[in-house]
């Protein structure tokens, strides 16, 4: 990972990409940004998914930098890009819903300890189906692989151990963003009914996977 980012104490989840009733992608995970690096630009005011750009500079490629995530049982095969924290406090997410964001201030997939976080969109009114549209169809035991920059042989294998939906307020943030303890991969997206007033999905879907 590229340096130490937010302390991640007292995280709040927003994951809100305000797009229209046709569907919203991911709401962004909101860390404590007291020690985060300054973003390169303020977030756009647009209410489309493309306004949720990564405002923090991407981490340089390195041995631990993930570049692709796959789960054959649900047809997931998406590019992964490093993301940081926007100046409004939200975890930055890719502006293209076909891409997945890796929280670069936490552990990388394959690290010996801690939780690596990949966040992706469900869908978007303009762009259509997102990378994590079928994430909820994963089941315990399913394989999730994360590819590094070294090509097809640079693979970390994970096995799903839990798939759960919870309200944004009940999301287990301390576990999702921990930097110590057993290694895990956390895949996060939106779930539940779409709240037309709030212009976001009500819940979050979390898939936890361990080394496979």
Foldseek 3Di string as FASTA:
>chain_A
DADAFAPQPPWFWQLFQQAAPVAWWTYFTFGDHPRHDAFQDAFDPDSFLLSLAQRHDWDDADLQDWFWKDFVVQGFIATETEGEAHPVRTTGAHSQQRHKYWDVNAGGPPDQFAETEIEGIQATPPRGGGRCVPVQVDDFQTKMWTAGPPPPVRIFIWTWDDKDKDFSRPPPSCRNRPRGDGYKYKYKIADDRQDRVSSHGGIMIIIIIHGD
